[in-house]
N, C-alpha and C. Protein backbone atom coordinates (compact mmCIF):
# COMPACT_ATOMS: atom_id res chain seq x y z
N UNK A 1 59.83 -24.12 -52.71
CA UNK A 1 58.56 -23.69 -52.14
C UNK A 1 58.74 -22.42 -51.33
N UNK A 2 59.78 -22.40 -50.50
CA UNK A 2 60.04 -21.23 -49.65
C UNK A 2 60.32 -20.00 -50.51
N UNK A 3 61.02 -20.23 -51.64
CA UNK A 3 61.32 -19.11 -52.52
C UNK A 3 60.04 -18.53 -53.11
N UNK A 4 59.08 -19.42 -53.47
CA UNK A 4 57.81 -18.95 -54.05
C UNK A 4 56.99 -18.16 -53.03
N UNK A 5 56.96 -18.63 -51.76
CA UNK A 5 56.22 -17.92 -50.73
C UNK A 5 56.82 -16.55 -50.48
N UNK A 6 58.12 -16.51 -50.39
CA UNK A 6 58.81 -15.23 -50.16
C UNK A 6 58.55 -14.27 -51.31
N UNK A 7 58.51 -14.83 -52.54
CA UNK A 7 58.25 -14.00 -53.72
C UNK A 7 56.83 -13.45 -53.68
N UNK A 8 55.88 -14.28 -53.24
CA UNK A 8 54.47 -13.87 -53.17
C UNK A 8 54.28 -12.75 -52.15
N UNK A 9 54.90 -12.89 -50.96
CA UNK A 9 54.79 -11.88 -49.91
C UNK A 9 55.40 -10.57 -50.39
N UNK A 10 56.51 -10.67 -51.09
CA UNK A 10 57.18 -9.46 -51.57
C UNK A 10 56.29 -8.71 -52.55
N UNK A 11 55.64 -9.49 -53.45
CA UNK A 11 54.74 -8.86 -54.43
C UNK A 11 53.54 -8.21 -53.71
N UNK A 12 53.00 -8.90 -52.64
CA UNK A 12 51.83 -8.38 -51.91
C UNK A 12 52.18 -7.06 -51.23
N UNK A 13 53.36 -7.01 -50.61
CA UNK A 13 53.80 -5.79 -49.94
C UNK A 13 53.97 -4.67 -50.95
N UNK A 14 54.49 -5.04 -52.12
CA UNK A 14 54.69 -4.03 -53.17
C UNK A 14 53.36 -3.44 -53.60
N UNK A 15 52.35 -4.33 -53.74
CA UNK A 15 51.02 -3.86 -54.19
C UNK A 15 50.40 -2.92 -53.15
N UNK A 16 50.49 -3.34 -51.87
CA UNK A 16 49.85 -2.55 -50.81
C UNK A 16 50.54 -1.20 -50.65
N UNK A 17 51.88 -1.22 -50.63
CA UNK A 17 52.62 0.03 -50.41
C UNK A 17 52.53 0.94 -51.61
N UNK A 18 52.31 0.40 -52.78
CA UNK A 18 52.21 1.23 -53.97
C UNK A 18 50.81 1.80 -54.13
N UNK A 19 49.85 1.34 -53.33
CA UNK A 19 48.46 1.81 -53.45
C UNK A 19 48.03 2.43 -52.12
N UNK A 20 48.42 3.70 -51.92
CA UNK A 20 48.13 4.40 -50.66
C UNK A 20 46.62 4.57 -50.45
N UNK A 21 45.89 4.73 -51.55
CA UNK A 21 44.43 4.93 -51.42
C UNK A 21 43.76 3.70 -50.82
N UNK A 22 44.28 2.53 -51.15
CA UNK A 22 43.72 1.28 -50.60
C UNK A 22 43.95 1.21 -49.09
N UNK A 23 45.15 1.62 -48.67
CA UNK A 23 45.46 1.62 -47.23
C UNK A 23 44.56 2.61 -46.49
N UNK A 24 44.41 3.80 -47.05
CA UNK A 24 43.59 4.84 -46.41
C UNK A 24 42.14 4.39 -46.30
N UNK A 25 41.66 3.73 -47.35
CA UNK A 25 40.27 3.26 -47.33
C UNK A 25 40.07 2.21 -46.26
N UNK A 26 41.07 1.30 -46.16
CA UNK A 26 40.97 0.24 -45.15
C UNK A 26 40.98 0.82 -43.75
N UNK A 27 41.90 1.78 -43.50
CA UNK A 27 41.97 2.41 -42.17
C UNK A 27 40.70 3.20 -41.88
N UNK A 28 40.21 3.91 -42.91
CA UNK A 28 38.99 4.71 -42.73
C UNK A 28 37.79 3.82 -42.40
N UNK A 29 37.70 2.70 -43.10
CA UNK A 29 36.59 1.78 -42.85
C UNK A 29 36.67 1.22 -41.43
N UNK A 30 37.91 0.91 -41.03
CA UNK A 30 38.10 0.36 -39.68
C UNK A 30 37.71 1.39 -38.61
N UNK A 31 38.18 2.63 -38.77
CA UNK A 31 37.86 3.69 -37.81
C UNK A 31 36.36 3.96 -37.80
N UNK A 32 35.74 4.00 -39.00
CA UNK A 32 34.30 4.24 -39.07
C UNK A 32 33.50 3.17 -38.37
N UNK A 33 33.93 1.93 -38.55
CA UNK A 33 33.23 0.81 -37.89
C UNK A 33 33.33 0.90 -36.39
N UNK A 34 34.55 1.24 -35.90
CA UNK A 34 34.75 1.36 -34.45
C UNK A 34 33.92 2.50 -33.88
N UNK A 35 33.90 3.64 -34.58
CA UNK A 35 33.12 4.79 -34.12
C UNK A 35 31.62 4.48 -34.10
N UNK A 36 31.17 3.78 -35.12
CA UNK A 36 29.75 3.41 -35.18
C UNK A 36 29.39 2.48 -34.04
N UNK A 37 30.29 1.54 -33.75
CA UNK A 37 30.05 0.60 -32.65
C UNK A 37 29.99 1.34 -31.31
N UNK A 38 30.95 2.27 -31.10
CA UNK A 38 30.98 3.05 -29.86
C UNK A 38 29.73 3.91 -29.74
N UNK A 39 29.34 4.55 -30.83
CA UNK A 39 28.15 5.40 -30.83
C UNK A 39 26.90 4.61 -30.49
N UNK A 40 26.79 3.42 -31.06
CA UNK A 40 25.63 2.57 -30.78
C UNK A 40 25.61 2.14 -29.32
N UNK A 41 26.77 1.81 -28.77
CA UNK A 41 26.86 1.38 -27.37
C UNK A 41 26.49 2.53 -26.41
N UNK A 42 27.00 3.73 -26.72
CA UNK A 42 26.69 4.90 -25.89
C UNK A 42 25.20 5.22 -25.93
N UNK A 43 24.62 5.16 -27.13
CA UNK A 43 23.19 5.46 -27.27
C UNK A 43 22.33 4.47 -26.50
N UNK A 44 22.71 3.19 -26.61
CA UNK A 44 21.95 2.15 -25.89
C UNK A 44 22.06 2.34 -24.39
N UNK A 45 23.27 2.63 -23.93
CA UNK A 45 23.48 2.81 -22.49
C UNK A 45 22.73 4.05 -21.99
N UNK A 46 22.76 5.13 -22.77
CA UNK A 46 22.06 6.37 -22.39
C UNK A 46 20.56 6.14 -22.33
N UNK A 47 20.03 5.41 -23.32
CA UNK A 47 18.59 5.12 -23.34
C UNK A 47 18.19 4.28 -22.13
N UNK A 48 19.02 3.30 -21.81
CA UNK A 48 18.73 2.45 -20.65
C UNK A 48 18.76 3.26 -19.35
N UNK A 49 19.75 4.15 -19.23
CA UNK A 49 19.84 4.99 -18.04
C UNK A 49 18.64 5.92 -17.94
N UNK A 50 18.23 6.48 -19.06
CA UNK A 50 17.05 7.36 -19.06
C UNK A 50 15.79 6.61 -18.63
N UNK A 51 15.65 5.37 -19.08
CA UNK A 51 14.51 4.55 -18.69
C UNK A 51 14.52 4.27 -17.19
N UNK A 52 15.72 3.97 -16.67
CA UNK A 52 15.85 3.73 -15.23
C UNK A 52 15.53 4.99 -14.43
N UNK A 53 16.00 6.13 -14.91
CA UNK A 53 15.73 7.40 -14.23
C UNK A 53 14.23 7.70 -14.21
N UNK A 54 13.56 7.49 -15.35
CA UNK A 54 12.12 7.73 -15.42
C UNK A 54 11.36 6.78 -14.50
N UNK A 55 11.80 5.52 -14.48
CA UNK A 55 11.14 4.53 -13.60
C UNK A 55 11.32 4.92 -12.14
N UNK A 56 12.49 5.42 -11.80
CA UNK A 56 12.76 5.84 -10.42
C UNK A 56 11.90 7.04 -10.04
N UNK A 57 11.75 7.98 -10.96
CA UNK A 57 10.91 9.16 -10.72
C UNK A 57 9.46 8.75 -10.51
N UNK A 58 8.97 7.84 -11.37
CA UNK A 58 7.59 7.37 -11.24
C UNK A 58 7.38 6.62 -9.94
N UNK A 59 8.39 5.84 -9.54
CA UNK A 59 8.30 5.10 -8.27
C UNK A 59 8.19 6.07 -7.09
N UNK A 60 8.98 7.11 -7.11
CA UNK A 60 8.96 8.10 -6.02
C UNK A 60 7.60 8.80 -5.96
N UNK A 61 7.08 9.19 -7.13
CA UNK A 61 5.78 9.86 -7.17
C UNK A 61 4.66 8.92 -6.70
N UNK A 62 4.73 7.67 -7.13
CA UNK A 62 3.71 6.68 -6.74
C UNK A 62 3.74 6.46 -5.23
N UNK A 63 4.94 6.28 -4.67
CA UNK A 63 5.05 6.03 -3.24
C UNK A 63 4.57 7.23 -2.42
N UNK A 64 4.97 8.43 -2.84
CA UNK A 64 4.53 9.64 -2.13
C UNK A 64 3.01 9.79 -2.18
N UNK A 65 2.44 9.61 -3.37
CA UNK A 65 0.99 9.73 -3.52
C UNK A 65 0.24 8.68 -2.73
N UNK A 66 0.79 7.46 -2.71
CA UNK A 66 0.14 6.36 -1.97
C UNK A 66 0.13 6.65 -0.48
N UNK A 67 1.28 7.06 0.06
CA UNK A 67 1.37 7.35 1.50
C UNK A 67 0.45 8.50 1.88
N UNK A 68 0.38 9.51 1.04
CA UNK A 68 -0.51 10.64 1.32
C UNK A 68 -1.97 10.21 1.31
N UNK A 69 -2.34 9.36 0.35
CA UNK A 69 -3.71 8.87 0.26
C UNK A 69 -4.07 8.00 1.47
N UNK A 70 -3.13 7.17 1.90
CA UNK A 70 -3.35 6.34 3.10
C UNK A 70 -3.56 7.22 4.32
N UNK A 71 -2.72 8.24 4.46
CA UNK A 71 -2.84 9.15 5.60
C UNK A 71 -4.22 9.81 5.61
N UNK A 72 -4.64 10.30 4.46
CA UNK A 72 -5.94 10.97 4.36
C UNK A 72 -7.08 10.01 4.69
N UNK A 73 -6.98 8.78 4.17
CA UNK A 73 -8.04 7.79 4.42
C UNK A 73 -8.15 7.48 5.91
N UNK A 74 -7.02 7.24 6.56
CA UNK A 74 -7.03 6.91 7.98
C UNK A 74 -7.48 8.10 8.83
N UNK A 75 -7.07 9.30 8.44
CA UNK A 75 -7.46 10.49 9.19
C UNK A 75 -8.97 10.69 9.14
N UNK A 76 -9.56 10.56 7.95
CA UNK A 76 -11.01 10.70 7.81
C UNK A 76 -11.73 9.59 8.56
N UNK A 77 -11.23 8.36 8.40
CA UNK A 77 -11.85 7.22 9.10
C UNK A 77 -11.86 7.44 10.60
N UNK A 78 -10.72 7.88 11.15
CA UNK A 78 -10.61 8.01 12.60
C UNK A 78 -11.55 9.08 13.14
N UNK A 79 -11.69 10.17 12.42
CA UNK A 79 -12.60 11.23 12.85
C UNK A 79 -14.04 10.73 12.87
N UNK A 80 -14.44 10.01 11.83
CA UNK A 80 -15.80 9.49 11.76
C UNK A 80 -16.02 8.41 12.82
N UNK A 81 -15.04 7.53 12.97
CA UNK A 81 -15.16 6.46 13.95
C UNK A 81 -15.29 7.01 15.36
N UNK A 82 -14.44 7.96 15.73
CA UNK A 82 -14.49 8.53 17.08
C UNK A 82 -15.78 9.30 17.31
N UNK A 83 -16.27 9.95 16.27
CA UNK A 83 -17.50 10.73 16.41
C UNK A 83 -18.71 9.85 16.66
N UNK A 84 -18.79 8.73 15.96
CA UNK A 84 -20.00 7.91 16.01
C UNK A 84 -19.89 6.65 16.88
N UNK A 85 -18.67 6.20 17.18
CA UNK A 85 -18.53 4.97 17.95
C UNK A 85 -17.49 5.07 19.05
N UNK A 86 -16.30 5.52 18.71
CA UNK A 86 -15.19 5.52 19.66
C UNK A 86 -15.49 6.27 20.94
N UNK A 87 -16.05 7.47 20.82
CA UNK A 87 -16.36 8.27 22.01
C UNK A 87 -17.39 7.58 22.88
N UNK A 88 -18.40 6.94 22.25
CA UNK A 88 -19.43 6.21 23.02
C UNK A 88 -18.81 5.06 23.80
N UNK A 89 -17.89 4.36 23.16
CA UNK A 89 -17.25 3.21 23.81
C UNK A 89 -16.38 3.67 24.98
N UNK A 90 -15.63 4.76 24.77
CA UNK A 90 -14.73 5.25 25.82
C UNK A 90 -15.48 5.77 27.04
N UNK A 91 -16.62 6.41 26.82
CA UNK A 91 -17.35 7.04 27.92
C UNK A 91 -18.40 6.12 28.54
N UNK A 92 -18.48 4.90 28.04
CA UNK A 92 -19.47 3.96 28.57
C UNK A 92 -19.08 3.55 30.00
N UNK A 93 -20.05 3.58 30.90
CA UNK A 93 -19.79 3.19 32.28
C UNK A 93 -19.51 1.70 32.36
N UNK A 94 -18.74 1.33 33.35
CA UNK A 94 -18.37 -0.07 33.52
C UNK A 94 -19.61 -0.93 33.77
N UNK A 95 -19.61 -2.11 33.17
CA UNK A 95 -20.71 -3.07 33.29
C UNK A 95 -22.02 -2.57 32.67
N UNK A 96 -21.89 -1.62 31.73
CA UNK A 96 -23.06 -1.15 30.98
C UNK A 96 -22.90 -1.56 29.52
N UNK A 97 -23.95 -2.07 28.94
CA UNK A 97 -23.90 -2.51 27.54
C UNK A 97 -24.09 -1.33 26.60
N UNK A 98 -23.41 -1.39 25.50
CA UNK A 98 -23.56 -0.37 24.45
C UNK A 98 -24.81 -0.71 23.64
N UNK A 99 -25.75 0.23 23.56
CA UNK A 99 -27.03 -0.05 22.89
C UNK A 99 -27.24 0.85 21.68
N UNK A 100 -26.15 1.36 21.12
CA UNK A 100 -26.25 2.21 19.94
C UNK A 100 -26.10 1.37 18.67
N UNK A 101 -26.94 1.65 17.69
CA UNK A 101 -26.91 0.92 16.42
C UNK A 101 -25.99 1.65 15.44
N UNK A 102 -25.09 0.92 14.79
CA UNK A 102 -24.17 1.50 13.81
C UNK A 102 -24.40 0.85 12.45
N UNK A 103 -24.95 1.61 11.50
CA UNK A 103 -25.30 1.03 10.19
C UNK A 103 -24.10 0.86 9.26
N UNK A 104 -23.26 -0.09 9.55
CA UNK A 104 -22.09 -0.36 8.70
C UNK A 104 -22.44 -1.47 7.72
N UNK A 105 -22.65 -1.10 6.47
CA UNK A 105 -23.06 -2.09 5.47
C UNK A 105 -22.11 -2.17 4.29
N UNK A 106 -20.95 -1.51 4.38
CA UNK A 106 -20.01 -1.54 3.26
C UNK A 106 -18.59 -1.38 3.78
N UNK A 107 -17.64 -1.58 2.88
CA UNK A 107 -16.23 -1.43 3.24
C UNK A 107 -15.82 0.05 3.10
N UNK A 108 -14.87 0.46 3.92
CA UNK A 108 -14.46 1.86 3.92
C UNK A 108 -13.00 2.08 3.53
N UNK A 109 -12.20 1.05 3.53
CA UNK A 109 -10.76 1.22 3.30
C UNK A 109 -10.42 0.95 1.84
N UNK A 110 -10.88 1.83 0.97
CA UNK A 110 -10.70 1.63 -0.47
C UNK A 110 -9.23 1.77 -0.88
N UNK A 111 -8.53 2.76 -0.35
CA UNK A 111 -7.14 2.99 -0.72
C UNK A 111 -6.29 1.79 -0.34
N UNK A 112 -6.47 1.30 0.87
CA UNK A 112 -5.69 0.16 1.35
C UNK A 112 -5.95 -1.08 0.50
N UNK A 113 -7.21 -1.37 0.24
CA UNK A 113 -7.56 -2.58 -0.51
C UNK A 113 -7.07 -2.52 -1.95
N UNK A 114 -7.13 -1.34 -2.55
CA UNK A 114 -6.72 -1.20 -3.95
C UNK A 114 -5.21 -1.19 -4.13
N UNK A 115 -4.47 -0.94 -3.05
CA UNK A 115 -3.01 -0.81 -3.16
C UNK A 115 -2.26 -1.76 -2.24
N UNK A 116 -2.88 -2.88 -1.91
CA UNK A 116 -2.26 -3.84 -0.99
C UNK A 116 -0.90 -4.32 -1.51
N UNK A 117 -0.79 -4.52 -2.81
CA UNK A 117 0.49 -5.00 -3.39
C UNK A 117 1.58 -3.95 -3.21
N UNK A 118 1.26 -2.69 -3.49
CA UNK A 118 2.25 -1.62 -3.34
C UNK A 118 2.64 -1.43 -1.88
N UNK A 119 1.67 -1.54 -0.98
CA UNK A 119 1.95 -1.40 0.45
C UNK A 119 2.89 -2.49 0.93
N UNK A 120 2.72 -3.69 0.41
CA UNK A 120 3.58 -4.81 0.81
C UNK A 120 5.03 -4.62 0.36
N UNK A 121 5.27 -3.68 -0.56
CA UNK A 121 6.62 -3.44 -1.07
C UNK A 121 7.27 -2.19 -0.49
N UNK A 122 6.63 -1.56 0.48
CA UNK A 122 7.23 -0.38 1.11
C UNK A 122 8.55 -0.74 1.76
N UNK A 123 9.56 0.08 1.56
CA UNK A 123 10.91 -0.23 2.05
C UNK A 123 11.04 -0.06 3.56
N UNK A 124 10.22 0.81 4.15
CA UNK A 124 10.25 1.02 5.60
C UNK A 124 9.50 -0.12 6.28
N UNK A 125 10.24 -1.06 6.83
CA UNK A 125 9.64 -2.27 7.40
C UNK A 125 8.74 -1.95 8.58
N UNK A 126 9.20 -1.09 9.49
CA UNK A 126 8.40 -0.73 10.67
C UNK A 126 7.08 -0.08 10.26
N UNK A 127 7.17 0.81 9.31
CA UNK A 127 5.95 1.48 8.82
C UNK A 127 5.00 0.47 8.21
N UNK A 128 5.54 -0.43 7.39
CA UNK A 128 4.71 -1.43 6.72
C UNK A 128 3.98 -2.32 7.72
N UNK A 129 4.70 -2.81 8.71
CA UNK A 129 4.10 -3.68 9.72
C UNK A 129 3.04 -2.94 10.54
N UNK A 130 3.36 -1.71 10.95
CA UNK A 130 2.41 -0.92 11.75
C UNK A 130 1.17 -0.59 10.93
N UNK A 131 1.38 -0.28 9.67
CA UNK A 131 0.27 0.06 8.79
C UNK A 131 -0.68 -1.12 8.60
N UNK A 132 -0.12 -2.28 8.32
CA UNK A 132 -0.94 -3.47 8.10
C UNK A 132 -1.68 -3.85 9.38
N UNK A 133 -1.01 -3.77 10.51
CA UNK A 133 -1.66 -4.10 11.79
C UNK A 133 -2.80 -3.12 12.09
N UNK A 134 -2.58 -1.84 11.82
CA UNK A 134 -3.61 -0.84 12.08
C UNK A 134 -4.85 -1.09 11.24
N UNK A 135 -4.64 -1.35 9.95
CA UNK A 135 -5.78 -1.63 9.07
C UNK A 135 -6.49 -2.92 9.49
N UNK A 136 -5.73 -3.90 9.95
CA UNK A 136 -6.34 -5.16 10.39
C UNK A 136 -7.24 -4.93 11.61
N UNK A 137 -6.74 -4.14 12.56
CA UNK A 137 -7.54 -3.82 13.74
C UNK A 137 -8.77 -2.98 13.39
N UNK A 138 -8.59 -2.03 12.48
CA UNK A 138 -9.71 -1.19 12.07
C UNK A 138 -10.79 -2.03 11.38
N UNK A 139 -10.36 -2.97 10.54
CA UNK A 139 -11.32 -3.85 9.87
C UNK A 139 -12.02 -4.75 10.87
N UNK A 140 -11.27 -5.27 11.85
CA UNK A 140 -11.86 -6.12 12.88
C UNK A 140 -12.88 -5.35 13.71
N UNK A 141 -12.57 -4.10 14.02
CA UNK A 141 -13.52 -3.29 14.79
C UNK A 141 -14.77 -2.98 13.97
N UNK A 142 -14.59 -2.71 12.68
CA UNK A 142 -15.74 -2.46 11.82
C UNK A 142 -16.63 -3.70 11.72
N UNK A 143 -16.00 -4.87 11.60
CA UNK A 143 -16.77 -6.12 11.55
C UNK A 143 -17.51 -6.36 12.87
N UNK A 144 -16.85 -6.04 13.98
CA UNK A 144 -17.48 -6.23 15.29
C UNK A 144 -18.68 -5.30 15.46
N UNK A 145 -18.51 -4.05 15.04
CA UNK A 145 -19.62 -3.10 15.12
C UNK A 145 -20.78 -3.52 14.22
N UNK A 146 -20.45 -4.06 13.07
CA UNK A 146 -21.48 -4.54 12.15
C UNK A 146 -22.26 -5.70 12.76
N UNK A 147 -21.53 -6.67 13.31
CA UNK A 147 -22.17 -7.81 13.95
C UNK A 147 -22.99 -7.36 15.16
N UNK A 148 -22.41 -6.45 15.93
CA UNK A 148 -23.07 -5.91 17.13
C UNK A 148 -24.41 -5.26 16.75
N UNK A 149 -24.38 -4.48 15.68
CA UNK A 149 -25.60 -3.79 15.25
C UNK A 149 -26.66 -4.78 14.77
N UNK A 150 -26.23 -5.83 14.09
CA UNK A 150 -27.19 -6.86 13.66
C UNK A 150 -27.81 -7.55 14.86
N UNK A 151 -27.00 -7.76 15.89
CA UNK A 151 -27.51 -8.39 17.11
C UNK A 151 -28.54 -7.50 17.78
N UNK A 152 -28.28 -6.21 17.82
CA UNK A 152 -29.23 -5.26 18.39
C UNK A 152 -30.53 -5.23 17.60
N UNK A 153 -30.40 -5.34 16.28
CA UNK A 153 -31.59 -5.36 15.43
C UNK A 153 -32.44 -6.58 15.74
N UNK A 154 -31.80 -7.72 15.91
CA UNK A 154 -32.54 -8.95 16.25
C UNK A 154 -33.26 -8.82 17.59
N UNK A 155 -32.58 -8.25 18.55
CA UNK A 155 -33.19 -8.06 19.87
C UNK A 155 -34.35 -7.07 19.82
N UNK A 156 -34.17 -6.03 19.02
CA UNK A 156 -35.25 -5.05 18.88
C UNK A 156 -36.47 -5.68 18.22
N UNK A 157 -36.24 -6.52 17.22
CA UNK A 157 -37.36 -7.22 16.57
C UNK A 157 -38.06 -8.15 17.56
N UNK A 158 -37.26 -8.77 18.41
CA UNK A 158 -37.82 -9.65 19.43
C UNK A 158 -38.70 -8.86 20.40
N UNK A 159 -38.26 -7.67 20.77
CA UNK A 159 -39.04 -6.83 21.68
C UNK A 159 -40.37 -6.45 21.02
N UNK A 160 -40.33 -6.08 19.75
CA UNK A 160 -41.56 -5.73 19.04
C UNK A 160 -42.54 -6.91 19.02
N UNK A 161 -41.98 -8.10 18.90
CA UNK A 161 -42.82 -9.30 18.92
C UNK A 161 -43.50 -9.46 20.28
N UNK A 162 -42.75 -9.20 21.36
CA UNK A 162 -43.33 -9.27 22.70
C UNK A 162 -44.50 -8.30 22.84
N UNK A 163 -44.30 -7.10 22.29
CA UNK A 163 -45.34 -6.07 22.41
C UNK A 163 -46.57 -6.47 21.61
N UNK A 164 -46.36 -6.91 20.38
CA UNK A 164 -47.49 -7.28 19.52
C UNK A 164 -48.26 -8.46 20.10
N UNK A 165 -47.54 -9.42 20.62
CA UNK A 165 -48.18 -10.63 21.16
C UNK A 165 -48.56 -10.47 22.63
N UNK A 166 -48.33 -9.26 23.16
CA UNK A 166 -48.72 -8.96 24.55
C UNK A 166 -48.09 -9.94 25.54
N UNK A 167 -46.83 -10.22 25.31
CA UNK A 167 -46.09 -11.11 26.22
C UNK A 167 -45.37 -10.22 27.24
N UNK A 168 -46.14 -9.68 28.16
CA UNK A 168 -45.65 -8.65 29.07
C UNK A 168 -44.62 -9.18 30.07
N UNK A 169 -44.77 -10.43 30.48
CA UNK A 169 -43.79 -10.99 31.41
C UNK A 169 -42.40 -11.01 30.81
N UNK A 170 -42.33 -11.43 29.54
CA UNK A 170 -41.03 -11.47 28.86
C UNK A 170 -40.55 -10.05 28.55
N UNK A 171 -41.50 -9.17 28.34
CA UNK A 171 -41.13 -7.78 28.07
C UNK A 171 -40.48 -7.13 29.29
N UNK A 172 -40.93 -7.52 30.47
CA UNK A 172 -40.35 -6.98 31.70
C UNK A 172 -38.88 -7.38 31.83
N UNK A 173 -38.56 -8.53 31.33
CA UNK A 173 -37.18 -9.02 31.44
C UNK A 173 -36.29 -8.62 30.25
N UNK A 174 -36.87 -7.81 29.37
CA UNK A 174 -36.15 -7.47 28.13
C UNK A 174 -34.85 -6.72 28.43
N UNK A 175 -34.90 -5.74 29.33
CA UNK A 175 -33.70 -4.94 29.63
C UNK A 175 -32.57 -5.80 30.20
N UNK A 176 -32.92 -6.69 31.09
CA UNK A 176 -31.90 -7.56 31.67
C UNK A 176 -31.36 -8.52 30.62
N UNK A 177 -32.22 -8.92 29.68
CA UNK A 177 -31.78 -9.80 28.60
C UNK A 177 -30.81 -9.07 27.68
N UNK A 178 -31.09 -7.80 27.43
CA UNK A 178 -30.18 -6.98 26.63
C UNK A 178 -28.80 -6.94 27.29
N UNK A 179 -28.80 -6.70 28.60
CA UNK A 179 -27.54 -6.61 29.32
C UNK A 179 -26.74 -7.91 29.23
N UNK A 180 -27.39 -9.02 29.48
CA UNK A 180 -26.69 -10.30 29.51
C UNK A 180 -26.24 -10.75 28.12
N UNK A 181 -27.00 -10.40 27.10
CA UNK A 181 -26.67 -10.82 25.73
C UNK A 181 -25.62 -9.93 25.10
N UNK A 182 -25.74 -8.62 25.33
CA UNK A 182 -24.89 -7.65 24.64
C UNK A 182 -23.58 -7.39 25.38
N UNK A 183 -23.57 -7.59 26.68
CA UNK A 183 -22.40 -7.22 27.48
C UNK A 183 -21.10 -7.86 27.00
N UNK A 184 -21.06 -9.13 26.67
CA UNK A 184 -19.80 -9.72 26.16
C UNK A 184 -19.30 -9.03 24.89
N UNK A 185 -20.22 -8.66 24.00
CA UNK A 185 -19.84 -7.96 22.77
C UNK A 185 -19.31 -6.56 23.08
N UNK A 186 -19.92 -5.91 24.08
CA UNK A 186 -19.46 -4.58 24.48
C UNK A 186 -18.01 -4.63 24.97
N UNK A 187 -17.70 -5.63 25.77
CA UNK A 187 -16.33 -5.78 26.28
C UNK A 187 -15.34 -6.00 25.13
N UNK A 188 -15.74 -6.81 24.16
CA UNK A 188 -14.87 -7.07 23.02
C UNK A 188 -14.65 -5.81 22.20
N UNK A 189 -15.70 -5.03 22.02
CA UNK A 189 -15.57 -3.76 21.31
C UNK A 189 -14.60 -2.83 22.02
N UNK A 190 -14.66 -2.81 23.34
CA UNK A 190 -13.77 -1.96 24.11
C UNK A 190 -12.31 -2.39 23.97
N UNK A 191 -12.07 -3.68 23.96
CA UNK A 191 -10.71 -4.21 23.79
C UNK A 191 -10.14 -3.81 22.43
N UNK A 192 -10.94 -4.04 21.37
CA UNK A 192 -10.51 -3.66 20.02
C UNK A 192 -10.27 -2.16 19.92
N UNK A 193 -11.15 -1.40 20.57
CA UNK A 193 -11.04 0.06 20.50
C UNK A 193 -9.73 0.54 21.10
N UNK A 194 -9.37 0.03 22.27
CA UNK A 194 -8.13 0.45 22.93
C UNK A 194 -6.91 0.07 22.11
N UNK A 195 -6.91 -1.13 21.54
CA UNK A 195 -5.78 -1.55 20.69
C UNK A 195 -5.68 -0.69 19.44
N UNK A 196 -6.84 -0.41 18.85
CA UNK A 196 -6.87 0.39 17.63
C UNK A 196 -6.41 1.82 17.91
N UNK A 197 -6.84 2.37 19.00
CA UNK A 197 -6.44 3.74 19.35
C UNK A 197 -4.93 3.82 19.56
N UNK A 198 -4.37 2.84 20.23
CA UNK A 198 -2.92 2.81 20.45
C UNK A 198 -2.17 2.71 19.13
N UNK A 199 -2.68 1.87 18.23
CA UNK A 199 -2.04 1.72 16.92
C UNK A 199 -2.11 3.01 16.12
N UNK A 200 -3.23 3.69 16.16
CA UNK A 200 -3.37 4.95 15.43
C UNK A 200 -2.42 6.00 15.98
N UNK A 201 -2.29 6.07 17.29
CA UNK A 201 -1.37 7.03 17.90
C UNK A 201 0.08 6.72 17.56
N UNK A 202 0.38 5.47 17.32
CA UNK A 202 1.74 5.08 16.92
C UNK A 202 1.97 5.33 15.43
N UNK A 203 0.98 4.99 14.62
CA UNK A 203 1.15 5.01 13.17
C UNK A 203 1.19 6.41 12.58
N UNK A 204 0.26 7.27 12.94
CA UNK A 204 0.10 8.54 12.23
C UNK A 204 1.35 9.42 12.24
N UNK A 205 2.06 9.56 13.37
CA UNK A 205 3.31 10.35 13.32
C UNK A 205 4.38 9.72 12.43
N UNK A 206 4.50 8.39 12.48
CA UNK A 206 5.48 7.69 11.63
C UNK A 206 5.12 7.89 10.16
N UNK A 207 3.87 7.76 9.85
CA UNK A 207 3.40 7.92 8.47
C UNK A 207 3.62 9.34 7.98
N UNK A 208 3.37 10.30 8.83
CA UNK A 208 3.57 11.71 8.47
C UNK A 208 5.04 12.00 8.16
N UNK A 209 5.94 11.46 8.96
CA UNK A 209 7.38 11.65 8.72
C UNK A 209 7.82 10.99 7.42
N UNK A 210 7.28 9.80 7.15
CA UNK A 210 7.63 9.10 5.91
C UNK A 210 7.14 9.88 4.68
N UNK A 211 5.99 10.50 4.79
CA UNK A 211 5.46 11.32 3.69
C UNK A 211 6.41 12.49 3.40
N UNK A 212 6.91 13.13 4.45
CA UNK A 212 7.84 14.24 4.28
C UNK A 212 9.13 13.78 3.59
N UNK A 213 9.60 12.60 3.95
CA UNK A 213 10.82 12.06 3.33
C UNK A 213 10.64 11.86 1.84
N UNK A 214 9.52 11.24 1.45
CA UNK A 214 9.27 10.98 0.03
C UNK A 214 8.93 12.25 -0.73
N UNK A 215 8.37 13.23 -0.04
CA UNK A 215 8.09 14.51 -0.70
C UNK A 215 9.40 15.19 -1.10
N UNK A 216 10.42 15.09 -0.23
CA UNK A 216 11.73 15.69 -0.56
C UNK A 216 12.41 14.92 -1.70
N UNK A 217 12.13 13.64 -1.81
CA UNK A 217 12.75 12.84 -2.86
C UNK A 217 12.16 13.10 -4.24
N UNK A 218 10.91 13.53 -4.28
CA UNK A 218 10.24 13.74 -5.57
C UNK A 218 10.76 14.98 -6.30
């Protein structure tokens, strides 16, 4: 048996060594397969890296654009708020009720509401917390002003009723009723206003610096 195996191996070696073209073809096929495998791996890795690079570029552009839009929204809001409400609240004499009507019938923070998910993923933790708190206070103040204005409307309707029904005794007490009814709301508005102003003074410089950082990254 051993002699037959040895004879078979000897014949196989003879066939292979006598056929150089067969050896060359085998080596060529092997090298071609390896090169094809390497080429496919490099192409896949390059494509994956390019996708990651594009995703990173889009993320930078999105973050920069979002921060800029937030800054613009808050800047416009603050100017309007101070012009029509904030200045009145700050200059109001102590123990005097605010009797100005503010027609707030809709939401104003469109950028914040539409991008709440993206804002929650901001990497700057301090900025994220300050931003969310500022918007929360601004929304609370807007709700308070809205409620306050509705209360004033109700009182004004009540006064008109006194006049129409000639209830002059109650009409004489109208001003004092305004003071006693509205004064607690005025104090609450002032508290929210001071907190909101402090938050805005803290947030805007931080937000401006963060915008500059992301602008350099884009």
